[in-house]
Amino acid sequence: MRLKHFQVLVYFLFLSVLVSAQKDSGKTVSNKHESIEGQIYISGGIGQSTILSRIYYVVNAPDNPAYGVSQSVVYNGIIDYGISKKLSIGAGIAYQTATGVPYTGSSNQIGLIENLSRLNISTRILSEVASTKNFEFYIGFRVGVSYWTDITIPYPVNQLTLGNTYTRNISFQFPIGIRYFINYLGLHIEAAIGTPYFIEAGLTIRIGKAN
């Protein structure tokens, strides 16, 4: 999926949530904060990250001629559970791939390409700033581990693998998001600082009823 197609989808979901939330705002102003204790949220969505910028424009020196070629969207899945009136804990998994042209310091290495992937497994805690029957607004913190693979092959001559690299690192993220529900099915959108995405949108299923 190209970036512009993803942006259109995110804008559509964002506008849908805002319009629906605005319709609900007349009721939410007078309603007290509803508890999320005991509720389960199962979410799936797609997002965007700065994976290529991180690999080719941050890690490497400014004069390094390595460059990114393409990246997939971030595929994200999360399960959250309400442990109190305003707090939930959860687990998430995110996966993304990318390709790029590495810099090896040798002119005879032209024609190589890197196939990269990042699998992120995290836990997170969210604080509900506002919660009604239909609308939720939250902020939180996500921490986990990213598992990277880097497979370098000659391109386009053949698919002989020249080298595999496997690394891992700690990830941190500070998400802020909104959810809008009609019964048990809802839309969500998140913006975030950190890994594994800076924006993400999708569907959420809510199981259980607030106290």
C-alpha atoms as a PDB file:
ATOM      1  CA  MET A   1       0.000   0.000   0.000  1.00  0.00           C
ATOM      2  CA  ARG A   2       1.454   3.340  -0.997  1.00  0.00           C
ATOM      3  CA  LEU A   3       1.874   6.128   1.531  1.00  0.00           C
ATOM      4  CA  LYS A   4      -0.750   8.384  -0.048  1.00  0.00           C
ATOM      5  CA  HIS A   5      -3.322   5.569   0.031  1.00  0.00           C
ATOM      6  CA  PHE A   6      -2.581   4.995   3.692  1.00  0.00           C
ATOM      7  CA  GLN A   7      -2.937   8.716   4.424  1.00  0.00           C
ATOM      8  CA  VAL A   8      -6.334   8.806   2.736  1.00  0.00           C
ATOM      9  CA  LEU A   9      -7.471   5.871   4.874  1.00  0.00           C
ATOM     10  CA  VAL A  10      -6.212   7.494   8.074  1.00  0.00           C
ATOM     11  CA  TYR A  11      -7.891  10.808   7.227  1.00  0.00           C
ATOM     12  CA  PHE A  12     -11.148   8.989   6.506  1.00  0.00           C
ATOM     13  CA  LEU A  13     -11.048   7.114   9.814  1.00  0.00           C
ATOM     14  CA  PHE A  14     -10.037  10.275  11.675  1.00  0.00           C
ATOM     15  CA  LEU A  15     -12.903  12.287  10.204  1.00  0.00           C
ATOM     16  CA  SER A  16     -15.349   9.452  10.868  1.00  0.00           C
ATOM     17  CA  VAL A  17     -14.332   9.324  14.521  1.00  0.00           C
ATOM     18  CA  LEU A  18     -14.474  13.107  14.906  1.00  0.00           C
ATOM     19  CA  VAL A  19     -17.898  13.409  13.288  1.00  0.00           C
ATOM     20  CA  SER A  20     -19.292  10.585  15.382  1.00  0.00           C
ATOM     21  CA  ALA A  21     -17.691  11.989  18.533  1.00  0.00           C
ATOM     22  CA  GLN A  22     -19.152  15.416  17.818  1.00  0.00           C
ATOM     23  CA  LYS A  23     -22.622  13.903  17.570  1.00  0.00           C
ATOM     24  CA  ASP A  24     -22.015  12.196  20.876  1.00  0.00           C
ATOM     25  CA  SER A  25     -20.542  15.283  22.565  1.00  0.00           C
ATOM     26  CA  GLY A  26     -23.911  16.643  23.604  1.00  0.00           C
ATOM     27  CA  LYS A  27     -24.445  13.556  25.717  1.00  0.00           C
ATOM     28  CA  THR A  28     -20.874  13.133  26.964  1.00  0.00           C
ATOM     29  CA  VAL A  29     -20.648  16.590  28.535  1.00  0.00           C
ATOM     30  CA  SER A  30     -23.222  15.722  31.176  1.00  0.00           C
ATOM     31  CA  ASN A  31     -22.197  12.085  31.571  1.00  0.00           C
ATOM     32  CA  LYS A  32     -19.727  11.086  34.246  1.00  0.00           C
ATOM     33  CA  HIS A  33     -16.635   9.096  33.405  1.00  0.00           C
ATOM     34  CA  GLU A  34     -17.608   5.475  32.809  1.00  0.00           C
ATOM     35  CA  SER A  35     -15.417   2.738  34.220  1.00  0.00           C
ATOM     36  CA  ILE A  36     -13.445   0.498  31.872  1.00  0.00           C
ATOM     37  CA  GLU A  37     -12.669  -2.069  34.570  1.00  0.00           C
ATOM     38  CA  GLY A  38     -13.131  -5.598  33.280  1.00  0.00           C
ATOM     39  CA  GLN A  39     -13.415  -4.582  29.642  1.00  0.00           C
ATOM     40  CA  ILE A  40     -11.335  -6.234  26.942  1.00  0.00           C
ATOM     41  CA  TYR A  41     -10.257  -4.375  23.795  1.00  0.00           C
ATOM     42  CA  ILE A  42      -9.034  -6.316  20.755  1.00  0.00           C
ATOM     43  CA  SER A  43      -7.571  -3.995  18.115  1.00  0.00           C
ATOM     44  CA  GLY A  44      -6.083  -4.420  14.672  1.00  0.00           C
ATOM     45  CA  GLY A  45      -4.792  -1.711  12.378  1.00  0.00           C
ATOM     46  CA  ILE A  46      -2.120  -0.382  10.071  1.00  0.00           C
ATOM     47  CA  GLY A  47       0.321   2.444  10.615  1.00  0.00           C
ATOM     48  CA  GLN A  48       3.343   4.317   9.370  1.00  0.00           C
ATOM     49  CA  SER A  49       6.815   4.645  10.871  1.00  0.00           C
ATOM     50  CA  THR A  50      10.162   6.299  10.216  1.00  0.00           C
ATOM     51  CA  ILE A  51      11.962   2.976   9.766  1.00  0.00           C
ATOM     52  CA  LEU A  52      13.916   4.001   6.649  1.00  0.00           C
ATOM     53  CA  SER A  53      14.950   7.350   8.122  1.00  0.00           C
ATOM     54  CA  ARG A  54      16.176   5.614  11.230  1.00  0.00           C
ATOM     55  CA  ILE A  55      18.267   3.075   9.324  1.00  0.00           C
ATOM     56  CA  TYR A  56      19.697   5.187   6.533  1.00  0.00           C
ATOM     57  CA  TYR A  57      19.680   8.790   7.768  1.00  0.00           C
ATOM     58  CA  VAL A  58      20.182   8.516  11.510  1.00  0.00           C
ATOM     59  CA  VAL A  59      22.307   5.451  12.197  1.00  0.00           C
ATOM     60  CA  ASN A  60      24.678   6.095   9.290  1.00  0.00           C
ATOM     61  CA  ALA A  61      26.946   9.072   8.865  1.00  0.00           C
ATOM     62  CA  PRO A  62      25.616  12.014   6.803  1.00  0.00           C
ATOM     63  CA  ASP A  63      28.042  11.273   3.952  1.00  0.00           C
ATOM     64  CA  ASN A  64      27.037   7.607   3.768  1.00  0.00           C
ATOM     65  CA  PRO A  65      25.535   6.931   0.304  1.00  0.00           C
ATOM     66  CA  ALA A  66      23.253   4.155   1.603  1.00  0.00           C
ATOM     67  CA  TYR A  67      19.580   4.876   1.006  1.00  0.00           C
ATOM     68  CA  GLY A  68      16.146   3.413   1.572  1.00  0.00           C
ATOM     69  CA  VAL A  69      14.020   2.139  -1.304  1.00  0.00           C
ATOM     70  CA  SER A  70      10.594   1.217   0.058  1.00  0.00           C
ATOM     71  CA  GLN A  71       8.745   0.206   3.204  1.00  0.00           C
ATOM     72  CA  SER A  72       5.500  -1.540   4.035  1.00  0.00           C
ATOM     73  CA  VAL A  73       2.854  -0.261   6.395  1.00  0.00           C
ATOM     74  CA  VAL A  74       3.102  -1.336  10.032  1.00  0.00           C
ATOM     75  CA  TYR A  75       0.722  -4.212  10.798  1.00  0.00           C
ATOM     76  CA  ASN A  76      -0.370  -3.832  14.403  1.00  0.00           C
ATOM     77  CA  GLY A  77      -2.405  -5.969  16.801  1.00  0.00           C
ATOM     78  CA  ILE A  78      -3.203  -5.175  20.441  1.00  0.00           C
ATOM     79  CA  ILE A  79      -5.178  -6.612  23.359  1.00  0.00           C
ATOM     80  CA  ASP A  80      -5.934  -4.296  26.306  1.00  0.00           C
ATOM     81  CA  TYR A  81      -7.681  -5.114  29.578  1.00  0.00           C
ATOM     82  CA  GLY A  82      -9.218  -2.626  31.999  1.00  0.00           C
ATOM     83  CA  ILE A  83      -7.749  -3.150  35.478  1.00  0.00           C
ATOM     84  CA  SER A  84      -9.463  -0.180  37.125  1.00  0.00           C
ATOM     85  CA  LYS A  85     -11.872   2.627  36.366  1.00  0.00           C
ATOM     86  CA  LYS A  86      -9.352   4.543  34.242  1.00  0.00           C
ATOM     87  CA  LEU A  87      -6.386   2.229  33.667  1.00  0.00           C
ATOM     88  CA  SER A  88      -5.781  -0.664  31.287  1.00  0.00           C
ATOM     89  CA  ILE A  89      -2.805  -2.887  30.554  1.00  0.00           C
ATOM     90  CA  GLY A  90      -2.158  -4.622  27.286  1.00  0.00           C
ATOM     91  CA  ALA A  91       0.134  -6.449  24.915  1.00  0.00           C
ATOM     92  CA  GLY A  92       0.906  -5.561  21.337  1.00  0.00           C
ATOM     93  CA  ILE A  93       2.669  -6.995  18.328  1.00  0.00           C
ATOM     94  CA  ALA A  94       3.706  -5.041  15.237  1.00  0.00           C
ATOM     95  CA  TYR A  95       5.471  -6.087  12.043  1.00  0.00           C
ATOM     96  CA  GLN A  96       6.998  -4.113   9.183  1.00  0.00           C
ATOM     97  CA  THR A  97       9.342  -4.747   6.259  1.00  0.00           C
ATOM     98  CA  ALA A  98      11.569  -2.440   4.231  1.00  0.00           C
ATOM     99  CA  THR A  99      14.203  -2.554   1.500  1.00  0.00           C
ATOM    100  CA  GLY A 100      17.252  -0.424   0.911  1.00  0.00           C
ATOM    101  CA  VAL A 101      20.657  -0.184  -0.720  1.00  0.00           C
ATOM    102  CA  PRO A 102      23.491  -0.636   1.798  1.00  0.00           C
ATOM    103  CA  TYR A 103      26.830   1.138   1.839  1.00  0.00           C
ATOM    104  CA  THR A 104      29.750  -1.245   2.275  1.00  0.00           C
ATOM    105  CA  GLY A 105      32.632   1.106   1.607  1.00  0.00           C
ATOM    106  CA  SER A 106      33.629  -0.761  -1.547  1.00  0.00           C
ATOM    107  CA  SER A 107      32.712   0.245  -5.086  1.00  0.00           C
ATOM    108  CA  ASN A 108      32.510  -3.388  -6.221  1.00  0.00           C
ATOM    109  CA  GLN A 109      29.495  -3.934  -3.962  1.00  0.00           C
ATOM    110  CA  ILE A 110      27.125  -1.968  -6.191  1.00  0.00           C
ATOM    111  CA  GLY A 111      24.082  -4.095  -6.928  1.00  0.00           C
ATOM    112  CA  LEU A 112      23.351  -5.200  -3.371  1.00  0.00           C
ATOM    113  CA  ILE A 113      19.985  -4.756  -1.713  1.00  0.00           C
ATOM    114  CA  GLU A 114      18.892  -5.210   1.896  1.00  0.00           C
ATOM    115  CA  ASN A 115      15.633  -6.883   2.889  1.00  0.00           C
ATOM    116  CA  LEU A 116      14.803  -5.666   6.372  1.00  0.00           C
ATOM    117  CA  SER A 117      12.098  -6.627   8.837  1.00  0.00           C
ATOM    118  CA  ARG A 118      11.165  -5.502  12.329  1.00  0.00           C
ATOM    119  CA  LEU A 119       8.991  -7.499  14.727  1.00  0.00           C
ATOM    120  CA  ASN A 120       8.004  -5.535  17.806  1.00  0.00           C
ATOM    121  CA  ILE A 121       6.527  -7.199  20.891  1.00  0.00           C
ATOM    122  CA  SER A 122       5.436  -4.837  23.638  1.00  0.00           C
ATOM    123  CA  THR A 123       3.392  -4.238  26.741  1.00  0.00           C
ATOM    124  CA  ARG A 124       1.550  -1.002  27.362  1.00  0.00           C
ATOM    125  CA  ILE A 125      -0.485   0.843  29.964  1.00  0.00           C
ATOM    126  CA  LEU A 126      -3.195   3.359  29.075  1.00  0.00           C
ATOM    127  CA  SER A 127      -4.919   6.035  31.124  1.00  0.00           C
ATOM    128  CA  GLU A 128      -8.465   6.967  30.071  1.00  0.00           C
ATOM    129  CA  VAL A 129      -8.767  10.754  30.035  1.00  0.00           C
ATOM    130  CA  ALA A 130     -12.416  10.546  28.969  1.00  0.00           C
ATOM    131  CA  SER A 131     -14.683   7.530  28.712  1.00  0.00           C
ATOM    132  CA  THR A 132     -18.379   7.329  27.812  1.00  0.00           C
ATOM    133  CA  LYS A 133     -20.601   4.676  26.296  1.00  0.00           C
ATOM    134  CA  ASN A 134     -19.454   5.549  22.772  1.00  0.00           C
ATOM    135  CA  PHE A 135     -16.302   7.644  23.040  1.00  0.00           C
ATOM    136  CA  GLU A 136     -12.906   7.141  24.684  1.00  0.00           C
ATOM    137  CA  PHE A 137      -9.819   9.349  24.757  1.00  0.00           C
ATOM    138  CA  TYR A 138      -6.587   7.980  26.219  1.00  0.00           C
ATOM    139  CA  ILE A 139      -2.859   8.494  26.649  1.00  0.00           C
ATOM    140  CA  GLY A 140      -0.272   5.889  27.550  1.00  0.00           C
ATOM    141  CA  PHE A 141       3.149   4.298  27.509  1.00  0.00           C
ATOM    142  CA  ARG A 142       4.386   1.283  25.528  1.00  0.00           C
ATOM    143  CA  VAL A 143       7.671  -0.559  26.065  1.00  0.00           C
ATOM    144  CA  GLY A 144       8.972  -3.676  24.378  1.00  0.00           C
ATOM    145  CA  VAL A 145      11.609  -5.310  22.223  1.00  0.00           C
ATOM    146  CA  SER A 146      12.143  -4.987  18.471  1.00  0.00           C
ATOM    147  CA  TYR A 147      13.653  -7.982  16.659  1.00  0.00           C
ATOM    148  CA  TRP A 148      15.407  -7.010  13.424  1.00  0.00           C
ATOM    149  CA  THR A 149      16.505  -9.086  10.443  1.00  0.00           C
ATOM    150  CA  ASP A 150      18.757  -7.752   7.685  1.00  0.00           C
ATOM    151  CA  ILE A 151      19.309 -10.030   4.688  1.00  0.00           C
ATOM    152  CA  THR A 152      21.673  -8.736   2.009  1.00  0.00           C
ATOM    153  CA  ILE A 153      21.467 -10.189  -1.506  1.00  0.00           C
ATOM    154  CA  PRO A 154      22.772  -9.288  -4.976  1.00  0.00           C
ATOM    155  CA  TYR A 155      20.097  -7.648  -7.094  1.00  0.00           C
ATOM    156  CA  PRO A 156      18.754  -8.387  -9.649  1.00  0.00           C
ATOM    157  CA  VAL A 157      21.221 -11.116 -10.712  1.00  0.00           C
ATOM    158  CA  ASN A 158      20.123 -13.897  -8.336  1.00  0.00           C
ATOM    159  CA  GLN A 159      18.797 -14.549  -4.868  1.00  0.00           C
ATOM    160  CA  LEU A 160      21.985 -15.892  -3.288  1.00  0.00           C
ATOM    161  CA  THR A 161      22.117 -14.612   0.280  1.00  0.00           C
ATOM    162  CA  LEU A 162      25.363 -12.816   1.078  1.00  0.00           C
ATOM    163  CA  GLY A 163      24.743 -12.117   4.735  1.00  0.00           C
ATOM    164  CA  ASN A 164      22.139 -12.275   7.478  1.00  0.00           C
ATOM    165  CA  THR A 165      22.057 -10.009  10.516  1.00  0.00           C
ATOM    166  CA  TYR A 166      19.777 -10.472  13.507  1.00  0.00           C
ATOM    167  CA  THR A 167      19.625  -7.835  16.213  1.00  0.00           C
ATOM    168  CA  ARG A 168      17.249  -6.613  18.901  1.00  0.00           C
ATOM    169  CA  ASN A 169      16.749  -3.441  20.848  1.00  0.00           C
ATOM    170  CA  ILE A 170      14.440  -1.948  23.448  1.00  0.00           C
ATOM    171  CA  SER A 171      11.553   0.168  22.149  1.00  0.00           C
ATOM    172  CA  PHE A 172       9.610   2.965  23.823  1.00  0.00           C
ATOM    173  CA  GLN A 173       6.441   4.712  22.734  1.00  0.00           C
ATOM    174  CA  PHE A 174       4.035   7.356  24.068  1.00  0.00           C
ATOM    175  CA  PRO A 175       0.659   6.952  22.299  1.00  0.00           C
ATOM    176  CA  ILE A 176      -2.367   9.237  22.396  1.00  0.00           C
ATOM    177  CA  GLY A 177      -5.574   7.967  20.867  1.00  0.00           C
ATOM    178  CA  ILE A 178      -9.333   8.055  20.503  1.00  0.00           C
ATOM    179  CA  ARG A 179     -11.903   5.297  20.052  1.00  0.00           C
ATOM    180  CA  TYR A 180     -15.509   5.569  18.945  1.00  0.00           C
ATOM    181  CA  PHE A 181     -17.889   2.638  19.432  1.00  0.00           C
ATOM    182  CA  ILE A 182     -21.270   1.588  18.146  1.00  0.00           C
ATOM    183  CA  ASN A 183     -22.151  -1.230  20.512  1.00  0.00           C
ATOM    184  CA  TYR A 184     -19.114  -3.532  20.625  1.00  0.00           C
ATOM    185  CA  LEU A 185     -17.459  -2.446  17.342  1.00  0.00           C
ATOM    186  CA  GLY A 186     -15.385   0.704  17.083  1.00  0.00           C
ATOM    187  CA  LEU A 187     -12.863   2.747  15.138  1.00  0.00           C
ATOM    188  CA  HIS A 188      -9.611   3.939  16.654  1.00  0.00           C
ATOM    189  CA  ILE A 189      -6.759   6.216  15.680  1.00  0.00           C
ATOM    190  CA  GLU A 190      -3.463   6.798  17.490  1.00  0.00           C
ATOM    191  CA  ALA A 191      -0.619   9.244  17.152  1.00  0.00           C
ATOM    192  CA  ALA A 192       2.603   8.418  18.962  1.00  0.00           C
ATOM    193  CA  ILE A 193       6.179   9.349  19.711  1.00  0.00           C
ATOM    194  CA  GLY A 194       8.535   6.383  19.469  1.00  0.00           C
ATOM    195  CA  THR A 195       8.480   2.857  18.032  1.00  0.00           C
ATOM    196  CA  PRO A 196       6.853   0.962  16.269  1.00  0.00           C
ATOM    197  CA  TYR A 197       4.714   3.678  14.562  1.00  0.00           C
ATOM    198  CA  PHE A 198       3.977   7.389  14.685  1.00  0.00           C
ATOM    199  CA  ILE A 199       0.397   7.046  13.468  1.00  0.00           C
ATOM    200  CA  GLU A 200      -1.955   4.057  13.339  1.00  0.00           C
ATOM    201  CA  ALA A 201      -5.653   3.457  12.688  1.00  0.00           C
ATOM    202  CA  GLY A 202      -8.010   0.509  12.537  1.00  0.00           C
ATOM    203  CA  LEU A 203     -10.837  -1.405  14.195  1.00  0.00           C
ATOM    204  CA  THR A 204     -11.406  -2.258  17.852  1.00  0.00           C
ATOM    205  CA  ILE A 205     -13.753  -4.822  19.370  1.00  0.00           C
ATOM    206  CA  ARG A 206     -14.852  -4.068  22.941  1.00  0.00           C
ATOM    207  CA  ILE A 207     -15.925  -7.011  25.090  1.00  0.00           C
ATOM    208  CA  GLY A 208     -17.623  -6.451  28.423  1.00  0.00           C
ATOM    209  CA  LYS A 209     -19.606  -3.577  29.866  1.00  0.00           C
ATOM    210  CA  ALA A 210     -18.423  -0.721  32.031  1.00  0.00           C
ATOM    211  CA  ASN A 211     -19.600  -0.712  35.629  1.00  0.00           C
END
